[in-house]
């Protein structure tokens, strides 16, 4: 995916974080339905949701806007590259990727891995130090989420 500007990177980052917020909201709902709210993982997912909401706010504060046709092209390119899942979270659910807690954890781990990698790529191309630092900081936090998810999958 060719990102031509910092604003394009911020737009895609916002879309990625919106997906993460939806994913962790769904994970919490699934755990509630399964009666697993007392497990440590439930609290960890609550914290990851809070982190992702903070990331989204940070990226939104740096995003100054593009015209709607540019946004649409970026969303399509990100979907084609697998950064954003076609059909969003509902598309992932239709493909059976969120059918149970274990598959949801795997899907989330894959998303965190992709996010950290992309944010580092975006940081390398950023024109401003503020955006570069925000992207690198959030990439590090996504790495932490990945470790938590991988540990949860082992248990």
Protein backbone atom coordinates (compact mmCIF):
# COMPACT_ATOMS: atom_id res chain seq x y z
CA UNK A 1 0.00 0.00 0.00
CA UNK A 2 1.46 3.32 -1.05
CA UNK A 3 0.93 6.04 1.54
CA UNK A 4 1.76 9.39 -0.02
CA UNK A 5 1.34 11.67 2.96
CA UNK A 6 1.21 11.82 6.71
CA UNK A 7 -2.51 12.61 6.51
CA UNK A 8 -3.13 9.44 4.53
CA UNK A 9 -1.27 7.50 7.20
CA UNK A 10 -3.38 9.12 9.92
CA UNK A 11 -6.59 8.28 8.07
CA UNK A 12 -5.63 4.60 7.73
CA UNK A 13 -4.44 4.52 11.36
CA UNK A 14 -7.84 5.88 12.46
CA UNK A 15 -9.59 3.16 10.47
CA UNK A 16 -7.35 0.50 12.01
CA UNK A 17 -8.04 1.76 15.53
CA UNK A 18 -11.80 1.91 14.92
CA UNK A 19 -11.63 -1.75 13.94
CA UNK A 20 -9.64 -2.56 17.08
CA UNK A 21 -12.22 -0.78 19.28
CA UNK A 22 -15.00 -2.83 17.65
CA UNK A 23 -12.99 -6.03 18.00
CA UNK A 24 -12.31 -5.63 21.72
CA UNK A 25 -15.88 -4.52 22.36
CA UNK A 26 -17.02 -7.74 20.66
CA UNK A 27 -14.49 -9.78 22.65
CA UNK A 28 -15.87 -8.44 25.92
CA UNK A 29 -19.43 -9.19 24.83
CA UNK A 30 -18.44 -12.74 23.90
CA UNK A 31 -16.73 -13.29 27.24
CA UNK A 32 -19.80 -11.95 29.04
CA UNK A 33 -22.04 -14.35 27.11
CA UNK A 34 -19.73 -17.22 28.05
CA UNK A 35 -19.73 -16.22 31.73
CA UNK A 36 -15.97 -15.54 31.67
CA UNK A 37 -15.97 -12.05 33.21
CA UNK A 38 -14.03 -13.17 36.28
CA UNK A 39 -11.05 -14.36 34.24
CA UNK A 40 -7.91 -12.18 34.17
CA UNK A 41 -8.21 -12.06 30.38
CA UNK A 42 -11.46 -10.11 30.67
CA UNK A 43 -9.68 -7.34 32.57
CA UNK A 44 -6.79 -7.39 30.11
CA UNK A 45 -9.18 -6.99 27.19
CA UNK A 46 -10.92 -4.13 28.99
CA UNK A 47 -7.54 -2.41 29.28
CA UNK A 48 -6.71 -3.10 25.63
CA UNK A 49 -10.06 -1.57 24.63
CA UNK A 50 -9.26 1.52 26.68
CA UNK A 51 -5.81 1.72 25.06
CA UNK A 52 -7.26 1.41 21.55
CA UNK A 53 -9.80 4.14 22.30
CA UNK A 54 -6.91 6.34 23.41
CA UNK A 55 -4.96 5.53 20.24
CA UNK A 56 -7.97 6.47 18.14
CA UNK A 57 -8.28 9.81 19.94
CA UNK A 58 -4.58 10.50 19.42
CA UNK A 59 -4.69 9.70 15.70
CA UNK A 60 -7.90 11.71 15.25
CA UNK A 61 -6.22 14.71 16.83
CA UNK A 62 -3.43 14.46 14.23
CA UNK A 63 -5.75 13.84 11.27
CA UNK A 64 -6.62 17.09 9.51
CA UNK A 65 -8.69 15.52 6.75
CA UNK A 66 -8.65 14.45 3.13
CA UNK A 67 -11.38 14.65 0.55
CA UNK A 68 -13.88 11.81 0.62
CA UNK A 69 -12.70 10.22 -2.64
CA UNK A 70 -9.14 10.01 -1.24
CA UNK A 71 -10.49 8.43 1.95
CA UNK A 72 -12.47 5.88 -0.07
CA UNK A 73 -9.44 4.95 -2.18
CA UNK A 74 -7.29 4.55 0.94
CA UNK A 75 -9.91 2.35 2.62
CA UNK A 76 -10.10 0.13 -0.47
CA UNK A 77 -6.31 -0.11 -0.72
CA UNK A 78 -6.02 -0.96 2.98
CA UNK A 79 -8.68 -3.64 2.59
CA UNK A 80 -6.91 -5.09 -0.45
CA UNK A 81 -3.65 -5.27 1.48
CA UNK A 82 -5.34 -6.97 4.42
CA UNK A 83 -4.78 -4.09 6.84
CA UNK A 84 -8.53 -3.60 7.13
CA UNK A 85 -10.79 -6.64 6.94
CA UNK A 86 -13.25 -6.60 4.06
CA UNK A 87 -16.68 -6.00 5.51
CA UNK A 88 -15.16 -4.87 8.80
CA UNK A 89 -15.81 -6.83 11.95
CA UNK A 90 -19.07 -8.22 10.55
CA UNK A 91 -17.15 -9.59 7.57
CA UNK A 92 -14.73 -11.31 9.94
CA UNK A 93 -17.66 -12.77 11.87
CA UNK A 94 -19.30 -14.06 8.67
CA UNK A 95 -16.06 -15.85 7.78
CA UNK A 96 -16.06 -17.55 11.19
CA UNK A 97 -13.04 -15.68 12.52
CA UNK A 98 -14.87 -14.56 15.66
CA UNK A 99 -16.91 -17.69 16.42
CA UNK A 100 -15.40 -18.27 19.85
CA UNK A 101 -12.99 -16.70 22.29
CA UNK A 102 -9.99 -18.61 20.94
CA UNK A 103 -10.53 -17.61 17.30
CA UNK A 104 -11.20 -14.05 18.40
CA UNK A 105 -7.89 -13.99 20.31
CA UNK A 106 -6.06 -15.24 17.21
CA UNK A 107 -7.76 -12.63 15.03
CA UNK A 108 -6.88 -9.91 17.55
CA UNK A 109 -3.25 -11.06 17.74
CA UNK A 110 -2.95 -10.93 13.96
CA UNK A 111 -4.47 -7.44 13.93
CA UNK A 112 -2.07 -6.20 16.64
CA UNK A 113 0.91 -7.62 14.72
CA UNK A 114 -0.18 -5.89 11.49
CA UNK A 115 -0.91 -2.64 13.30
CA UNK A 116 2.49 -2.42 14.96
CA UNK A 117 4.24 -3.11 11.65
CA UNK A 118 2.17 -0.56 9.72
CA UNK A 119 2.54 2.15 12.37
CA UNK A 120 6.32 1.78 12.18
CA UNK A 121 6.16 2.08 8.39
CA UNK A 122 3.98 5.17 8.71
CA UNK A 123 6.35 6.66 11.30
CA UNK A 124 9.32 6.26 8.97
CA UNK A 125 7.47 8.29 6.34
CA UNK A 126 6.11 10.98 8.69
CA UNK A 127 7.00 14.59 8.06
CA UNK A 128 6.42 15.80 11.62
CA UNK A 129 8.11 14.68 14.79
CA UNK A 130 4.77 14.71 16.66
CA UNK A 131 3.22 12.21 14.25
CA UNK A 132 6.37 10.08 14.14
CA UNK A 133 6.54 9.85 17.93
CA UNK A 134 2.81 9.11 18.27
CA UNK A 135 3.02 6.31 15.71
CA UNK A 136 6.11 4.76 17.31
CA UNK A 137 4.65 4.97 20.82
CA UNK A 138 1.41 3.34 19.73
CA UNK A 139 3.31 0.65 17.77
CA UNK A 140 5.12 -0.22 21.02
CA UNK A 141 1.79 -0.44 22.85
CA UNK A 142 0.41 -2.72 20.11
CA UNK A 143 3.46 -4.96 20.63
CA UNK A 144 2.48 -5.16 24.30
CA UNK A 145 -1.07 -6.12 23.37
CA UNK A 146 0.31 -8.81 21.08
CA UNK A 147 2.33 -10.32 23.93
CA UNK A 148 -0.75 -10.32 26.17
CA UNK A 149 -2.84 -12.02 23.50
CA UNK A 150 -0.18 -14.63 22.75
CA UNK A 151 0.10 -15.40 26.47
CA UNK A 152 -3.67 -15.71 26.73
CA UNK A 153 -3.69 -18.17 23.82
CA UNK A 154 -1.16 -20.37 25.65
CA UNK A 155 -3.35 -20.57 28.76
